[in-house]
Amino acid sequence: MATESTDPGSVRPGGRTARVRAAVLRAAGDALAEGGLARLDLADVARRAEVGRTTVYRRWGSPTQLIADLLADMAEQSLPRTETGTLLGDLRANAQLVRRTLADPRQGALFKAVIAAATCDDQTAAALHRFYEVRVAEWQPCVRQAVERGELPADTDPREVVRAVSAPLYYRLLTSDAPLDEATADRAAEAAVTAARAGVFAKPAD
């Protein structure tokens, strides 16, 4: 007899199951943004989502599994990359997308909570790593296209270029109360492009 998968995010549910999942993940995100991992309780999430506690416990089992599914859903729902025809234009679009996400009161608090949890919980760390692998992979083609156009050295590592765009924005989010404004995002993209053109992100020699 077939049973529902217990691996969060392993299937794309439809109908009522999809609505339940969406409600639970939204509630989990709200709870994380408000209180962090320490206060993420499955019973509270069920109450917020207005679904049965048994449903939440059976499907997700633990707060860390719930976070893993939340991050998987966030990766799936993220906007696709923008193609402007130039590397700088593409990376500015990436930087502004990251900035808008982190500057949003709910999303910024949510990312702070997940990053903090990842420093002390291996499952959360693994889920966060998968999230960023998906998002970085989404934007790597713009760097490859820039190499093909002759904008960058042939040995440029696309992954490192994309990471370099968002790194200053996360640093500002986590270490200061300075605003994440458009100028900051543009500056991050411009710095990444300048460094890439100078060969800073060359792949290690075999």
Protein backbone atom coordinates (compact mmCIF):
# COMPACT_ATOMS: atom_id res chain seq x y z
CA MET A 1 0.00 0.00 0.00
CA ALA A 2 1.46 3.35 -1.05
CA THR A 3 2.14 5.92 1.66
CA GLU A 4 2.87 9.64 1.54
CA SER A 5 6.58 10.46 1.46
CA THR A 6 7.96 11.67 4.78
CA ASP A 7 10.85 13.46 3.11
CA PRO A 8 9.88 17.16 3.22
CA GLY A 9 9.93 18.77 -0.20
CA SER A 10 10.50 15.46 -1.99
CA VAL A 11 7.23 15.75 -3.93
CA ARG A 12 5.23 18.55 -5.47
CA PRO A 13 1.87 18.14 -3.75
CA GLY A 14 -1.36 19.36 -5.27
CA GLY A 15 -4.83 20.35 -4.11
CA ARG A 16 -5.51 20.41 -0.40
CA THR A 17 -2.06 19.02 0.39
CA ALA A 18 -0.47 21.96 -1.41
CA ARG A 19 -2.63 24.43 0.51
CA VAL A 20 -1.72 22.80 3.82
CA ARG A 21 1.98 22.87 2.96
CA ALA A 22 1.81 26.53 1.92
CA ALA A 23 -0.01 27.50 5.12
CA VAL A 24 2.41 25.58 7.32
CA LEU A 25 5.50 26.97 5.62
CA ARG A 26 4.14 30.50 5.86
CA ALA A 27 3.44 29.99 9.55
CA ALA A 28 6.89 28.51 10.10
CA GLY A 29 8.50 31.51 8.40
CA ASP A 30 6.51 33.90 10.57
CA ALA A 31 7.49 32.01 13.73
CA LEU A 32 11.15 31.92 12.75
CA ALA A 33 11.19 35.63 11.94
CA GLU A 34 9.62 36.41 15.31
CA GLY A 35 11.54 34.11 17.62
CA GLY A 36 14.26 32.15 15.85
CA LEU A 37 14.86 28.41 15.93
CA ALA A 38 14.70 28.21 19.72
CA ARG A 39 11.03 29.22 19.68
CA LEU A 40 10.02 27.26 16.57
CA ASP A 41 7.46 24.78 17.90
CA LEU A 42 5.48 22.45 15.64
CA ALA A 43 2.33 22.77 17.74
CA ASP A 44 2.52 26.56 17.50
CA VAL A 45 3.09 26.34 13.74
CA ALA A 46 0.00 24.11 13.42
CA ARG A 47 -2.03 26.65 15.40
CA ARG A 48 -0.84 29.54 13.25
CA ALA A 49 -1.53 27.59 10.04
CA GLU A 50 -4.92 26.43 11.32
CA VAL A 51 -4.16 22.78 10.57
CA GLY A 52 -4.10 19.72 12.77
CA ARG A 53 -1.02 19.13 14.90
CA THR A 54 -0.98 15.49 13.82
CA THR A 55 -0.62 16.60 10.19
CA VAL A 56 2.39 18.76 10.99
CA TYR A 57 4.10 16.17 13.18
CA ARG A 58 3.50 13.37 10.68
CA ARG A 59 4.72 15.27 7.65
CA TRP A 60 7.65 17.25 9.05
CA GLY A 61 8.54 15.54 12.33
CA SER A 62 10.91 18.18 13.70
CA PRO A 63 11.64 21.91 13.47
CA THR A 64 14.81 21.27 11.45
CA GLN A 65 12.91 19.23 8.85
CA LEU A 66 10.37 22.04 8.65
CA ILE A 67 13.15 24.58 8.05
CA ALA A 68 14.60 22.34 5.33
CA ASP A 69 11.27 22.30 3.51
CA LEU A 70 10.83 26.04 4.02
CA LEU A 71 14.21 26.75 2.43
CA ALA A 72 13.49 24.36 -0.44
CA ASP A 73 10.21 26.18 -1.09
CA MET A 74 11.93 29.57 -0.93
CA ALA A 75 14.46 28.43 -3.51
CA GLU A 76 11.66 27.20 -5.78
CA GLN A 77 9.68 30.43 -5.42
CA SER A 78 12.61 32.81 -5.94
CA LEU A 79 12.50 34.95 -9.02
CA PRO A 80 14.52 33.69 -12.01
CA ARG A 81 17.65 35.49 -13.04
CA THR A 82 17.48 38.60 -15.19
CA GLU A 83 19.29 38.80 -18.54
CA THR A 84 20.27 42.34 -19.52
CA GLY A 85 22.96 41.57 -22.10
CA THR A 86 25.87 42.74 -19.93
CA LEU A 87 27.55 41.22 -16.91
CA LEU A 88 27.24 44.41 -14.87
CA GLY A 89 23.55 44.69 -15.67
CA ASP A 90 22.91 41.07 -14.75
CA LEU A 91 24.82 41.26 -11.47
CA ARG A 92 23.17 44.53 -10.54
CA ALA A 93 19.84 42.77 -11.00
CA ASN A 94 21.04 39.96 -8.77
CA ALA A 95 22.27 42.37 -6.12
CA GLN A 96 19.01 44.31 -6.12
CA LEU A 97 17.02 41.08 -5.79
CA VAL A 98 19.10 40.05 -2.78
CA ARG A 99 18.84 43.56 -1.31
CA ARG A 100 15.05 43.66 -1.60
CA THR A 101 14.81 40.28 0.09
CA LEU A 102 17.11 41.12 2.98
CA ALA A 103 15.68 44.62 3.45
CA ASP A 104 12.16 43.26 3.80
CA PRO A 105 11.34 43.24 7.54
CA ARG A 106 9.98 39.70 7.56
CA GLN A 107 12.45 38.14 5.13
CA GLY A 108 15.45 39.85 6.68
CA ALA A 109 14.51 38.61 10.14
CA LEU A 110 13.85 35.14 8.72
CA PHE A 111 17.30 34.92 7.13
CA LYS A 112 18.95 36.15 10.31
CA ALA A 113 17.17 33.42 12.26
CA VAL A 114 18.05 30.66 9.80
CA ILE A 115 21.70 31.72 9.55
CA ALA A 116 21.96 31.86 13.33
CA ALA A 117 20.39 28.42 13.62
CA ALA A 118 22.75 27.01 10.99
CA THR A 119 25.75 27.88 13.16
CA CYS A 120 24.65 25.40 15.81
CA ASP A 121 22.51 22.84 13.99
CA ASP A 122 23.93 20.59 11.27
CA GLN A 123 20.60 19.83 9.59
CA THR A 124 19.72 23.50 9.32
CA ALA A 125 23.20 24.24 7.99
CA ALA A 126 22.83 21.56 5.32
CA ALA A 127 19.42 22.93 4.30
CA LEU A 128 20.82 26.46 4.09
CA HIS A 129 23.74 25.25 1.97
CA ARG A 130 21.32 23.58 -0.44
CA PHE A 131 19.28 26.77 -0.67
CA TYR A 132 22.31 28.83 -1.63
CA GLU A 133 23.56 26.18 -4.06
CA VAL A 134 20.26 26.46 -5.93
CA ARG A 135 20.29 30.26 -5.99
CA VAL A 136 23.95 30.57 -6.98
CA ALA A 137 23.45 27.99 -9.74
CA GLU A 138 20.51 30.01 -11.07
CA TRP A 139 22.79 33.02 -11.68
CA GLN A 140 25.97 31.32 -12.84
CA PRO A 141 24.97 31.35 -16.55
CA CYS A 142 25.24 35.15 -16.67
CA VAL A 143 28.93 34.84 -15.79
CA ARG A 144 29.48 32.07 -18.34
CA GLN A 145 27.83 34.24 -20.98
CA ALA A 146 30.13 37.11 -20.03
CA VAL A 147 33.12 34.84 -20.54
CA GLU A 148 31.77 33.87 -23.97
CA ARG A 149 31.35 37.55 -24.86
CA GLY A 150 34.93 38.23 -23.86
CA GLU A 151 34.02 40.37 -20.85
CA LEU A 152 35.90 38.13 -18.41
CA PRO A 153 38.98 35.88 -18.44
CA ALA A 154 38.30 32.37 -19.70
CA ASP A 155 39.22 30.77 -16.37
CA THR A 156 36.72 32.78 -14.31
CA ASP A 157 34.82 30.75 -11.71
CA PRO A 158 31.12 31.69 -12.11
CA ARG A 159 30.18 30.45 -8.65
CA GLU A 160 32.69 32.69 -6.91
CA VAL A 161 31.61 35.75 -8.88
CA VAL A 162 27.95 35.27 -7.94
CA ARG A 163 28.84 34.71 -4.30
CA ALA A 164 30.90 37.88 -4.27
CA VAL A 165 27.85 39.93 -5.22
CA SER A 166 25.69 38.96 -2.26
CA ALA A 167 28.43 38.56 0.36
CA PRO A 168 28.68 42.30 1.23
CA LEU A 169 24.90 42.52 1.54
CA TYR A 170 24.69 39.64 3.99
CA TYR A 171 27.65 41.08 5.89
CA ARG A 172 25.84 44.39 6.29
CA LEU A 173 22.63 42.63 7.32
CA LEU A 174 24.36 40.62 10.04
CA THR A 175 26.94 43.05 11.39
CA SER A 176 25.45 46.54 11.28
CA ASP A 177 22.26 48.56 11.32
CA ALA A 178 23.24 50.45 8.18
CA PRO A 179 20.50 50.46 5.56
CA LEU A 180 20.53 48.04 2.65
CA ASP A 181 19.87 50.59 -0.05
CA GLU A 182 20.09 50.47 -3.83
CA ALA A 183 23.48 52.18 -3.89
CA THR A 184 24.94 49.51 -1.61
CA ALA A 185 23.65 46.75 -3.88
CA ASP A 186 24.98 48.45 -7.03
CA ARG A 187 28.35 48.92 -5.36
CA ALA A 188 28.51 45.21 -4.50
CA ALA A 189 27.81 44.27 -8.12
CA GLU A 190 30.34 46.75 -9.48
CA ALA A 191 33.03 45.50 -7.09
CA ALA A 192 32.41 41.90 -8.12
CA VAL A 193 32.64 42.79 -11.82
CA THR A 194 35.86 44.78 -11.32
CA ALA A 195 37.44 41.92 -9.41
CA ALA A 196 36.30 39.35 -11.97
CA ARG A 197 37.75 41.36 -14.85
CA ALA A 198 41.05 41.54 -12.97
CA GLY A 199 41.18 37.76 -12.69
CA VAL A 200 40.54 37.60 -8.95
CA PHE A 201 38.02 34.76 -9.37
CA ALA A 202 40.14 32.52 -11.59
CA LYS A 203 39.60 28.80 -11.10
CA PRO A 204 42.53 27.05 -9.36
CA ALA A 205 44.94 25.44 -11.80
CA ASP A 206 44.59 21.64 -12.04
